[in-house]
C-alpha atoms as a PDB file:
ATOM      1  CA  MET A   1      95.720 -87.645 -35.006  1.00  0.00           C
ATOM      2  CA  SER A   2      97.511 -89.079 -32.053  1.00  0.00           C
ATOM      3  CA  THR A   3     100.688 -91.071 -32.165  1.00  0.00           C
ATOM      4  CA  GLU A   4      98.852 -93.992 -30.568  1.00  0.00           C
ATOM      5  CA  HIS A   5      96.203 -93.869 -33.285  1.00  0.00           C
ATOM      6  CA  ASP A   6      98.910 -93.719 -35.961  1.00  0.00           C
ATOM      7  CA  ALA A   7     100.662 -96.669 -34.317  1.00  0.00           C
ATOM      8  CA  GLU A   8      97.452 -98.694 -34.361  1.00  0.00           C
ATOM      9  CA  ARG A   9      96.902 -97.911 -38.038  1.00  0.00           C
ATOM     10  CA  ALA A  10     100.543 -98.763 -38.838  1.00  0.00           C
ATOM     11  CA  HIS A  11     100.121-102.074 -37.016  1.00  0.00           C
ATOM     12  CA  ASN A  12      97.027-102.872 -39.069  1.00  0.00           C
ATOM     13  CA  LEU A  13      98.849-102.056 -42.314  1.00  0.00           C
ATOM     14  CA  ILE A  14     101.890-104.123 -41.359  1.00  0.00           C
ATOM     15  CA  LYS A  15      99.617-107.078 -40.590  1.00  0.00           C
ATOM     16  CA  ASP A  16      97.432-106.575 -43.671  1.00  0.00           C
ATOM     17  CA  GLU A  17      97.942-109.632 -45.881  1.00  0.00           C
ATOM     18  CA  LEU A  18      96.939-107.906 -49.109  1.00  0.00           C
ATOM     19  CA  LEU A  19      99.328-105.005 -48.566  1.00  0.00           C
ATOM     20  CA  GLN A  20     102.163-107.391 -47.700  1.00  0.00           C
ATOM     21  CA  ARG A  21     101.466-109.499 -50.800  1.00  0.00           C
ATOM     22  CA  LEU A  22     101.475-106.336 -52.922  1.00  0.00           C
ATOM     23  CA  PHE A  23     104.803-105.216 -51.458  1.00  0.00           C
ATOM     24  CA  GLU A  24     106.285-108.652 -52.122  1.00  0.00           C
ATOM     25  CA  SER A  25     104.892-108.743 -55.666  1.00  0.00           C
ATOM     26  CA  ILE A  26     106.349-105.312 -56.411  1.00  0.00           C
ATOM     27  CA  ARG A  27     109.682-106.357 -54.890  1.00  0.00           C
ATOM     28  CA  GLN A  28     109.804-109.530 -56.989  1.00  0.00           C
ATOM     29  CA  ASP A  29     108.833-107.655 -60.147  1.00  0.00           C
ATOM     30  CA  LEU A  30     111.555-105.062 -59.618  1.00  0.00           C
ATOM     31  CA  CYS A  31     114.197-107.714 -58.932  1.00  0.00           C
ATOM     32  CA  SER A  32     113.122-109.688 -61.988  1.00  0.00           C
ATOM     33  CA  ARG A  33     113.240-106.611 -64.203  1.00  0.00           C
ATOM     34  CA  TRP A  34     116.639-105.631 -62.765  1.00  0.00           C
ATOM     35  CA  SER A  35     118.090-109.104 -63.387  1.00  0.00           C
ATOM     36  CA  LYS A  36     117.120-108.836 -67.072  1.00  0.00           C
ATOM     37  CA  THR A  37     118.968-105.565 -67.598  1.00  0.00           C
ATOM     38  CA  GLN A  38     122.389-105.228 -69.112  1.00  0.00           C
ATOM     39  CA  PRO A  39     125.223-103.510 -67.222  1.00  0.00           C
ATOM     40  CA  LYS A  40     125.182-100.734 -69.814  1.00  0.00           C
ATOM     41  CA  GLU A  41     121.560 -99.885 -68.859  1.00  0.00           C
ATOM     42  CA  LYS A  42     122.778 -97.879 -65.907  1.00  0.00           C
ATOM     43  CA  ASP A  43     119.851 -95.446 -65.758  1.00  0.00           C
ATOM     44  CA  LEU A  44     117.219 -98.198 -65.821  1.00  0.00           C
ATOM     45  CA  ARG A  45     119.116-100.244 -63.236  1.00  0.00           C
ATOM     46  CA  GLU A  46     119.350 -97.226 -60.939  1.00  0.00           C
ATOM     47  CA  ASP A  47     115.645 -96.451 -61.381  1.00  0.00           C
ATOM     48  CA  LEU A  48     114.716-100.010 -60.444  1.00  0.00           C
ATOM     49  CA  TYR A  49     117.039 -99.886 -57.443  1.00  0.00           C
ATOM     50  CA  PHE A  50     115.480 -96.655 -56.189  1.00  0.00           C
ATOM     51  CA  GLU A  51     111.974 -98.057 -56.637  1.00  0.00           C
ATOM     52  CA  LEU A  52     112.985-101.048 -54.529  1.00  0.00           C
ATOM     53  CA  ARG A  53     114.441 -98.739 -51.888  1.00  0.00           C
ATOM     54  CA  GLY A  54     111.163 -96.806 -51.912  1.00  0.00           C
ATOM     55  CA  ILE A  55     109.193 -99.917 -50.970  1.00  0.00           C
ATOM     56  CA  SER A  56     111.659-100.628 -48.173  1.00  0.00           C
ATOM     57  CA  GLY A  57     111.371 -97.025 -47.019  1.00  0.00           C
ATOM     58  CA  ILE A  58     107.590 -97.288 -46.735  1.00  0.00           C
ATOM     59  CA  GLU A  59     107.890-100.491 -44.711  1.00  0.00           C
ATOM     60  CA  GLN A  60     110.520 -98.953 -42.431  1.00  0.00           C
ATOM     61  CA  LYS A  61     108.387 -95.837 -41.858  1.00  0.00           C
ATOM     62  CA  LEU A  62     105.372 -97.970 -40.945  1.00  0.00           C
ATOM     63  CA  GLN A  63     107.482 -99.958 -38.476  1.00  0.00           C
ATOM     64  CA  ALA A  64     108.955 -96.772 -36.976  1.00  0.00           C
ATOM     65  CA  THR A  65     105.451 -95.334 -36.535  1.00  0.00           C
ATOM     66  CA  LEU A  66     104.375 -98.509 -34.748  1.00  0.00           C
ATOM     67  CA  ASP A  67     107.511 -98.566 -32.595  1.00  0.00           C
ATOM     68  CA  ASN A  68     107.145 -94.891 -31.605  1.00  0.00           C
ATOM     69  CA  GLY A  69     103.524 -95.361 -30.614  1.00  0.00           C
ATOM     70  CA  THR A  70     104.328 -98.506 -28.648  1.00  0.00           C
ATOM     71  CA  PHE A  71     107.184 -96.758 -26.851  1.00  0.00           C
ATOM     72  CA  LEU A  72     105.052 -93.744 -25.948  1.00  0.00           C
ATOM     73  CA  LYS A  73     102.239 -95.974 -24.733  1.00  0.00           C
ATOM     74  CA  MET A  74     104.616 -97.942 -22.489  1.00  0.00           C
ATOM     75  CA  ARG A  75     106.224 -94.740 -21.243  1.00  0.00           C
ATOM     76  CA  SER A  76     102.891 -93.204 -20.234  1.00  0.00           C
ATOM     77  CA  LYS A  77     101.992 -96.139 -17.967  1.00  0.00           C
END
C-alpha cells in the first residue's frame, strides 16, 4: 500500500463520526472509572491510565499517517 493510500484511509477514519464517538465514549468511560477508584488502587488506576494513553496513541498515529501522506503528496508536486 502506498503512503498516499494510507493517508487517505487515515483521513477517512479521522473524519468517521462513529469511530470518533467510540473513541470519546471509551475516553469518558475510562475517566469515569478512574475517578471512582481509591488512591490505594494503584494497579487499577495505572491500567486505566494506560488504556487512555492507548486511545490517544491510536489517534496520534492516524494523524501522523495523514500528515506524512499529505507532506509527501505536496513534496511530489
